[in-house]
């Protein structure tokens, strides 16, 4: 059987995911505003929600992984924000509808979650990843 070709893609932040994050923070603030807790506690929790949202948005907009490649032999390589290439291994993959999540650990023991949605990865790459992930999962279950 012919081996599957390498799949390589540049990883860029998803605007959809950023919009969802902002929506969650706004909903948390609305829930606090409508709650019956003390105003001082509302303020503290509201500030905490905003701080968490800002840190999450910063991590989302400045990912540690800039490029990812899955080679024919099953090996992974990632390029970090500084331009260094590292060997990585796939810890977990999840495909749910239009969402693909790859959990990778690099040789530096850094774990990165790559969230692929239609706005940050082209359709052909996503299709090839889905097919190859389904084959890898079926092979792993048979072993």
N, C-alpha and C. Protein backbone atom coordinates (compact mmCIF):
# COMPACT_ATOMS: atom_id res chain seq x y z
N UNK A 1 0.84 -1.18 0.00
CA UNK A 1 0.00 0.00 0.00
C UNK A 1 0.88 1.25 0.00
N UNK A 2 0.52 2.21 -0.80
CA UNK A 2 1.27 3.45 -0.91
C UNK A 2 1.12 4.25 0.38
N UNK A 3 2.23 4.82 0.87
CA UNK A 3 2.16 5.60 2.10
C UNK A 3 1.54 6.96 1.82
N UNK A 4 0.93 7.51 2.86
CA UNK A 4 0.28 8.82 2.74
C UNK A 4 1.34 9.90 2.67
N UNK A 5 1.12 10.91 1.84
CA UNK A 5 2.11 11.99 1.74
C UNK A 5 2.14 12.82 3.03
N UNK A 6 3.21 13.56 3.17
CA UNK A 6 3.34 14.43 4.34
C UNK A 6 2.27 15.52 4.31
N UNK A 7 1.85 15.93 5.48
CA UNK A 7 0.89 17.02 5.62
C UNK A 7 1.60 18.11 6.40
N UNK A 8 1.74 19.27 5.81
CA UNK A 8 2.38 20.39 6.49
C UNK A 8 1.48 21.62 6.35
N UNK A 9 1.42 22.41 7.41
CA UNK A 9 0.60 23.61 7.38
C UNK A 9 1.14 24.64 8.36
N UNK A 10 0.90 25.90 8.02
CA UNK A 10 1.21 26.99 8.93
C UNK A 10 0.04 27.12 9.89
N UNK A 11 0.35 27.27 11.16
CA UNK A 11 -0.71 27.41 12.16
C UNK A 11 -0.87 28.88 12.49
N UNK A 12 -2.07 29.37 12.30
CA UNK A 12 -2.37 30.75 12.64
C UNK A 12 -3.61 30.79 13.54
N UNK A 13 -3.74 31.81 14.35
CA UNK A 13 -4.86 31.89 15.29
C UNK A 13 -6.21 31.94 14.56
N UNK A 14 -7.21 31.39 15.20
CA UNK A 14 -8.56 31.37 14.66
C UNK A 14 -9.35 32.57 15.17
N UNK A 15 -9.91 33.34 14.25
CA UNK A 15 -10.76 34.47 14.65
C UNK A 15 -12.05 33.96 15.28
N UNK A 16 -12.54 32.80 14.82
CA UNK A 16 -13.76 32.23 15.39
C UNK A 16 -13.56 31.88 16.86
N UNK A 17 -12.42 31.30 17.16
CA UNK A 17 -12.13 30.92 18.54
C UNK A 17 -11.98 32.17 19.42
N UNK A 18 -11.36 33.21 18.88
CA UNK A 18 -11.23 34.46 19.62
C UNK A 18 -12.61 35.07 19.89
N UNK A 19 -13.49 35.04 18.89
CA UNK A 19 -14.85 35.55 19.07
C UNK A 19 -15.60 34.75 20.14
N UNK A 20 -15.42 33.43 20.14
CA UNK A 20 -16.06 32.59 21.15
C UNK A 20 -15.53 32.92 22.55
N UNK A 21 -14.24 33.16 22.66
CA UNK A 21 -13.65 33.53 23.95
C UNK A 21 -14.23 34.85 24.45
N UNK A 22 -14.33 35.84 23.59
CA UNK A 22 -14.91 37.12 23.97
C UNK A 22 -16.36 36.96 24.40
N UNK A 23 -17.10 36.14 23.68
CA UNK A 23 -18.50 35.88 24.03
C UNK A 23 -18.61 35.24 25.42
N UNK A 24 -17.74 34.30 25.72
CA UNK A 24 -17.77 33.64 27.04
C UNK A 24 -17.48 34.65 28.15
N UNK A 25 -16.50 35.53 27.94
CA UNK A 25 -16.19 36.54 28.96
C UNK A 25 -17.37 37.50 29.14
N UNK A 26 -17.97 37.94 28.05
CA UNK A 26 -19.13 38.84 28.14
C UNK A 26 -20.28 38.15 28.86
N UNK A 27 -20.53 36.89 28.56
CA UNK A 27 -21.60 36.15 29.25
C UNK A 27 -21.30 36.00 30.74
N UNK A 28 -20.04 35.78 31.08
CA UNK A 28 -19.66 35.68 32.49
C UNK A 28 -19.91 37.01 33.19
N UNK A 29 -19.58 38.11 32.54
CA UNK A 29 -19.81 39.43 33.14
C UNK A 29 -21.30 39.72 33.29
N UNK A 30 -22.09 39.33 32.30
CA UNK A 30 -23.55 39.50 32.40
C UNK A 30 -24.13 38.65 33.53
N UNK A 31 -23.63 37.43 33.67
CA UNK A 31 -24.10 36.56 34.75
C UNK A 31 -23.76 37.17 36.11
N UNK A 32 -22.58 37.74 36.22
CA UNK A 32 -22.21 38.41 37.48
C UNK A 32 -23.10 39.62 37.75
N UNK A 33 -23.38 40.38 36.71
CA UNK A 33 -24.20 41.58 36.87
C UNK A 33 -25.61 41.22 37.34
N UNK A 34 -26.13 40.10 36.89
CA UNK A 34 -27.49 39.69 37.25
C UNK A 34 -27.55 38.88 38.55
N UNK A 35 -26.41 38.51 39.09
CA UNK A 35 -26.42 37.68 40.30
C UNK A 35 -26.71 38.54 41.53
N UNK A 36 -27.05 37.87 42.61
CA UNK A 36 -27.42 38.55 43.85
C UNK A 36 -26.27 38.62 44.85
N UNK A 37 -25.06 38.48 44.38
CA UNK A 37 -23.92 38.54 45.30
C UNK A 37 -23.54 40.00 45.57
N UNK A 38 -22.72 40.19 46.57
CA UNK A 38 -22.32 41.54 46.98
C UNK A 38 -21.59 42.26 45.84
N UNK A 39 -21.82 43.57 45.71
CA UNK A 39 -21.18 44.34 44.64
C UNK A 39 -19.65 44.25 44.66
N UNK A 40 -19.05 44.19 45.84
CA UNK A 40 -17.58 44.11 45.90
C UNK A 40 -17.10 42.77 45.34
N UNK A 41 -17.83 41.70 45.61
CA UNK A 41 -17.47 40.40 45.08
C UNK A 41 -17.70 40.35 43.56
N UNK A 42 -18.78 41.01 43.10
CA UNK A 42 -19.02 41.11 41.66
C UNK A 42 -17.83 41.77 40.97
N UNK A 43 -17.33 42.83 41.57
CA UNK A 43 -16.20 43.56 40.99
C UNK A 43 -14.95 42.68 40.92
N UNK A 44 -14.66 41.97 42.01
CA UNK A 44 -13.48 41.10 42.06
C UNK A 44 -13.60 39.99 41.02
N UNK A 45 -14.75 39.34 40.97
CA UNK A 45 -14.95 38.26 40.01
C UNK A 45 -14.97 38.76 38.57
N UNK A 46 -15.52 39.94 38.34
CA UNK A 46 -15.53 40.53 37.01
C UNK A 46 -14.13 40.85 36.53
N UNK A 47 -13.31 41.41 37.42
CA UNK A 47 -11.92 41.70 37.07
C UNK A 47 -11.17 40.40 36.79
N UNK A 48 -11.41 39.37 37.61
CA UNK A 48 -10.75 38.08 37.41
C UNK A 48 -11.15 37.46 36.07
N UNK A 49 -12.43 37.56 35.71
CA UNK A 49 -12.89 37.04 34.42
C UNK A 49 -12.22 37.78 33.26
N UNK A 50 -12.10 39.09 33.38
CA UNK A 50 -11.45 39.88 32.32
C UNK A 50 -9.97 39.55 32.21
N UNK A 51 -9.29 39.39 33.35
CA UNK A 51 -7.87 39.05 33.33
C UNK A 51 -7.66 37.68 32.69
N UNK A 52 -8.48 36.71 33.07
CA UNK A 52 -8.38 35.38 32.46
C UNK A 52 -8.63 35.45 30.96
N UNK A 53 -9.61 36.25 30.56
CA UNK A 53 -9.90 36.42 29.14
C UNK A 53 -8.75 37.04 28.37
N UNK A 54 -8.10 38.05 28.97
CA UNK A 54 -6.96 38.70 28.32
C UNK A 54 -5.79 37.73 28.17
N UNK A 55 -5.49 36.97 29.24
CA UNK A 55 -4.39 36.00 29.15
C UNK A 55 -4.69 34.90 28.13
N UNK A 56 -5.93 34.44 28.10
CA UNK A 56 -6.31 33.41 27.12
C UNK A 56 -6.23 33.95 25.70
N UNK A 57 -6.69 35.18 25.50
CA UNK A 57 -6.63 35.79 24.16
C UNK A 57 -5.17 35.98 23.74
N UNK A 58 -4.32 36.36 24.67
CA UNK A 58 -2.90 36.54 24.35
C UNK A 58 -2.27 35.22 23.91
N UNK A 59 -2.57 34.14 24.65
CA UNK A 59 -2.05 32.81 24.26
C UNK A 59 -2.61 32.37 22.91
N UNK A 60 -3.86 32.71 22.67
CA UNK A 60 -4.50 32.34 21.40
C UNK A 60 -3.91 33.11 20.23
N UNK A 61 -3.65 34.40 20.42
CA UNK A 61 -3.14 35.23 19.33
C UNK A 61 -1.64 35.05 19.09
N UNK A 62 -0.92 34.53 20.06
CA UNK A 62 0.53 34.32 19.93
C UNK A 62 0.87 32.86 20.24
N UNK A 63 0.50 31.94 19.36
CA UNK A 63 0.73 30.52 19.63
C UNK A 63 2.21 30.16 19.66
N UNK A 64 2.53 29.14 20.44
CA UNK A 64 3.92 28.67 20.52
C UNK A 64 4.33 27.97 19.24
N UNK A 65 3.39 27.33 18.56
CA UNK A 65 3.68 26.59 17.32
C UNK A 65 3.26 27.44 16.13
N UNK A 66 4.17 27.61 15.17
CA UNK A 66 3.87 28.40 13.98
C UNK A 66 3.69 27.52 12.74
N UNK A 67 4.33 26.36 12.72
CA UNK A 67 4.23 25.46 11.57
C UNK A 67 4.26 24.04 12.09
N UNK A 68 3.52 23.17 11.42
CA UNK A 68 3.42 21.78 11.85
C UNK A 68 3.50 20.89 10.62
N UNK A 69 4.17 19.75 10.77
CA UNK A 69 4.27 18.79 9.66
C UNK A 69 4.13 17.38 10.20
N UNK A 70 3.33 16.57 9.50
CA UNK A 70 3.14 15.16 9.84
C UNK A 70 3.67 14.38 8.65
N UNK A 71 4.77 13.66 8.84
CA UNK A 71 5.47 13.00 7.75
C UNK A 71 4.91 11.62 7.46
N UNK A 72 5.36 11.07 6.32
CA UNK A 72 4.88 9.77 5.85
C UNK A 72 5.11 8.66 6.88
N UNK A 73 6.22 8.73 7.59
CA UNK A 73 6.56 7.69 8.56
C UNK A 73 5.82 7.83 9.88
N UNK A 74 4.97 8.85 10.01
CA UNK A 74 4.20 9.06 11.23
C UNK A 74 4.83 10.05 12.18
N UNK A 75 6.03 10.54 11.86
CA UNK A 75 6.70 11.51 12.72
C UNK A 75 6.15 12.91 12.55
N UNK A 76 6.26 13.69 13.59
CA UNK A 76 5.79 15.07 13.59
C UNK A 76 6.96 16.01 13.81
N UNK A 77 6.88 17.20 13.23
CA UNK A 77 7.84 18.29 13.49
C UNK A 77 7.04 19.56 13.65
N UNK A 78 7.46 20.38 14.58
CA UNK A 78 6.82 21.68 14.79
C UNK A 78 7.89 22.77 14.75
N UNK A 79 7.50 23.93 14.26
CA UNK A 79 8.37 25.10 14.28
C UNK A 79 7.77 26.07 15.30
N UNK A 80 8.60 26.48 16.25
CA UNK A 80 8.10 27.37 17.29
C UNK A 80 8.19 28.83 16.86
N UNK A 81 7.78 29.72 17.75
CA UNK A 81 7.73 31.15 17.45
C UNK A 81 9.11 31.74 17.20
N UNK A 82 10.16 31.12 17.72
CA UNK A 82 11.51 31.63 17.52
C UNK A 82 12.14 31.10 16.22
N UNK A 83 11.44 30.20 15.54
CA UNK A 83 11.94 29.65 14.28
C UNK A 83 12.65 28.32 14.42
N UNK A 84 12.73 27.79 15.64
CA UNK A 84 13.39 26.51 15.85
C UNK A 84 12.48 25.34 15.50
N UNK A 85 13.04 24.34 14.81
CA UNK A 85 12.29 23.12 14.48
C UNK A 85 12.54 22.07 15.55
N UNK A 86 11.46 21.36 15.93
CA UNK A 86 11.56 20.35 16.98
C UNK A 86 10.75 19.12 16.58
N UNK A 87 11.25 17.96 16.97
CA UNK A 87 10.50 16.72 16.80
C UNK A 87 9.38 16.74 17.82
N UNK A 88 8.22 16.25 17.42
CA UNK A 88 7.06 16.22 18.32
C UNK A 88 6.37 14.88 18.20
N UNK A 89 5.52 14.61 19.17
CA UNK A 89 4.70 13.40 19.11
C UNK A 89 3.25 13.78 19.37
N UNK A 90 2.37 13.07 18.71
CA UNK A 90 0.94 13.31 18.86
C UNK A 90 0.46 12.60 20.12
N UNK A 91 -0.03 13.37 21.08
CA UNK A 91 -0.56 12.78 22.31
C UNK A 91 -2.02 12.40 22.14
N UNK A 92 -2.76 13.27 21.47
CA UNK A 92 -4.18 13.04 21.30
C UNK A 92 -4.70 13.87 20.14
N UNK A 93 -5.70 13.34 19.46
CA UNK A 93 -6.36 14.08 18.38
C UNK A 93 -7.86 13.90 18.53
N UNK A 94 -8.57 14.96 18.27
CA UNK A 94 -10.02 14.91 18.37
C UNK A 94 -10.62 15.62 17.16
N UNK A 95 -11.60 14.97 16.55
CA UNK A 95 -12.30 15.55 15.41
C UNK A 95 -13.77 15.59 15.75
N UNK A 96 -14.32 16.79 15.80
CA UNK A 96 -15.74 16.99 16.11
C UNK A 96 -16.32 17.98 15.11
N UNK A 97 -17.04 17.48 14.13
CA UNK A 97 -17.61 18.35 13.11
C UNK A 97 -16.52 19.10 12.37
N UNK A 98 -16.59 20.43 12.39
CA UNK A 98 -15.60 21.26 11.70
C UNK A 98 -14.34 21.48 12.53
N UNK A 99 -14.32 20.99 13.75
CA UNK A 99 -13.23 21.22 14.67
C UNK A 99 -12.25 20.05 14.69
N UNK A 100 -10.96 20.36 14.56
CA UNK A 100 -9.89 19.37 14.73
C UNK A 100 -8.95 19.91 15.80
N UNK A 101 -8.70 19.11 16.83
CA UNK A 101 -7.77 19.51 17.88
C UNK A 101 -6.64 18.49 17.93
N UNK A 102 -5.42 18.99 17.83
CA UNK A 102 -4.22 18.15 17.92
C UNK A 102 -3.46 18.54 19.17
N UNK A 103 -3.16 17.57 20.00
CA UNK A 103 -2.36 17.80 21.20
C UNK A 103 -0.99 17.20 20.95
N UNK A 104 0.02 18.07 20.83
CA UNK A 104 1.38 17.66 20.47
C UNK A 104 2.35 17.98 21.60
N UNK A 105 3.32 17.09 21.81
CA UNK A 105 4.39 17.35 22.77
C UNK A 105 5.70 17.36 22.01
N UNK A 106 6.43 18.46 22.14
CA UNK A 106 7.71 18.59 21.44
C UNK A 106 8.82 17.95 22.26
N UNK A 107 9.98 17.83 21.64
CA UNK A 107 11.13 17.24 22.31
C UNK A 107 11.59 18.07 23.50
N UNK A 108 11.13 19.32 23.58
CA UNK A 108 11.46 20.19 24.71
C UNK A 108 10.47 20.00 25.87
N UNK A 109 9.61 18.98 25.73
CA UNK A 109 8.59 18.67 26.74
C UNK A 109 7.52 19.77 26.85
N UNK A 110 7.33 20.52 25.78
CA UNK A 110 6.25 21.51 25.73
C UNK A 110 5.05 20.86 25.07
N UNK A 111 3.90 21.03 25.67
CA UNK A 111 2.67 20.50 25.10
C UNK A 111 1.90 21.65 24.47
N UNK A 112 1.47 21.46 23.24
CA UNK A 112 0.72 22.49 22.52
C UNK A 112 -0.56 21.89 21.97
N UNK A 113 -1.64 22.62 22.13
CA UNK A 113 -2.92 22.23 21.55
C UNK A 113 -3.16 23.09 20.32
N UNK A 114 -3.30 22.45 19.17
CA UNK A 114 -3.58 23.16 17.93
C UNK A 114 -5.05 22.99 17.61
N UNK A 115 -5.78 24.08 17.58
CA UNK A 115 -7.21 24.06 17.28
C UNK A 115 -7.39 24.52 15.84
N UNK A 116 -7.87 23.61 15.00
CA UNK A 116 -8.03 23.90 13.58
C UNK A 116 -9.51 24.04 13.25
N UNK A 117 -9.88 25.21 12.76
CA UNK A 117 -11.23 25.51 12.32
C UNK A 117 -11.17 25.98 10.87
N UNK A 118 -12.29 26.09 10.19
CA UNK A 118 -12.26 26.49 8.78
C UNK A 118 -11.62 27.85 8.51
N UNK A 119 -11.54 28.72 9.51
CA UNK A 119 -10.96 30.04 9.26
C UNK A 119 -9.45 30.10 9.45
N UNK A 120 -8.83 29.04 9.97
CA UNK A 120 -7.37 29.10 10.15
C UNK A 120 -6.63 27.93 9.52
N UNK A 121 -7.32 27.15 8.71
CA UNK A 121 -6.69 26.03 8.01
C UNK A 121 -7.51 25.75 6.74
N UNK A 122 -6.83 25.59 5.63
CA UNK A 122 -7.55 25.39 4.37
C UNK A 122 -8.27 24.04 4.34
N UNK A 123 -9.29 23.96 3.52
CA UNK A 123 -10.16 22.79 3.47
C UNK A 123 -9.41 21.52 3.07
N UNK A 124 -8.48 21.62 2.12
CA UNK A 124 -7.75 20.44 1.68
C UNK A 124 -6.88 19.86 2.79
N UNK A 125 -6.19 20.72 3.52
CA UNK A 125 -5.36 20.25 4.63
C UNK A 125 -6.22 19.61 5.71
N UNK A 126 -7.34 20.22 6.02
CA UNK A 126 -8.23 19.68 7.05
C UNK A 126 -8.77 18.31 6.62
N UNK A 127 -9.14 18.17 5.34
CA UNK A 127 -9.65 16.90 4.83
C UNK A 127 -8.57 15.82 4.94
N UNK A 128 -7.35 16.15 4.50
CA UNK A 128 -6.27 15.17 4.57
C UNK A 128 -5.95 14.77 6.01
N UNK A 129 -5.97 15.74 6.92
CA UNK A 129 -5.74 15.44 8.33
C UNK A 129 -6.82 14.51 8.88
N UNK A 130 -8.07 14.80 8.56
CA UNK A 130 -9.19 13.97 9.04
C UNK A 130 -9.04 12.53 8.57
N UNK A 131 -8.73 12.36 7.27
CA UNK A 131 -8.59 11.01 6.72
C UNK A 131 -7.42 10.29 7.38
N UNK A 132 -6.30 10.96 7.49
CA UNK A 132 -5.12 10.31 8.06
C UNK A 132 -5.30 10.02 9.55
N UNK A 133 -5.96 10.91 10.26
CA UNK A 133 -6.23 10.66 11.69
C UNK A 133 -7.18 9.49 11.86
N UNK A 134 -8.17 9.37 10.99
CA UNK A 134 -9.10 8.24 11.11
C UNK A 134 -8.38 6.93 10.81
N UNK A 135 -7.47 6.94 9.85
CA UNK A 135 -6.69 5.72 9.56
C UNK A 135 -5.76 5.38 10.71
N UNK A 136 -5.12 6.39 11.28
CA UNK A 136 -4.20 6.14 12.41
C UNK A 136 -4.96 5.62 13.62
N UNK A 137 -6.16 6.12 13.85
CA UNK A 137 -6.97 5.65 14.97
C UNK A 137 -7.41 4.22 14.76
N UNK A 138 -7.83 3.88 13.55
CA UNK A 138 -8.29 2.52 13.27
C UNK A 138 -7.13 1.53 13.37
N UNK A 139 -5.94 1.92 12.93
CA UNK A 139 -4.77 1.05 13.03
C UNK A 139 -4.39 0.85 14.48
N UNK A 140 -4.45 1.91 15.30
CA UNK A 140 -4.12 1.82 16.71
C UNK A 140 -5.11 0.92 17.45
N UNK A 141 -6.38 0.94 17.06
CA UNK A 141 -7.38 0.11 17.71
C UNK A 141 -7.22 -1.35 17.32
N UNK A 142 -6.75 -1.61 16.10
CA UNK A 142 -6.56 -2.99 15.65
C UNK A 142 -5.36 -3.65 16.33
N UNK A 143 -4.39 -2.86 16.72
CA UNK A 143 -3.15 -3.43 17.31
C UNK A 143 -3.35 -3.90 18.72
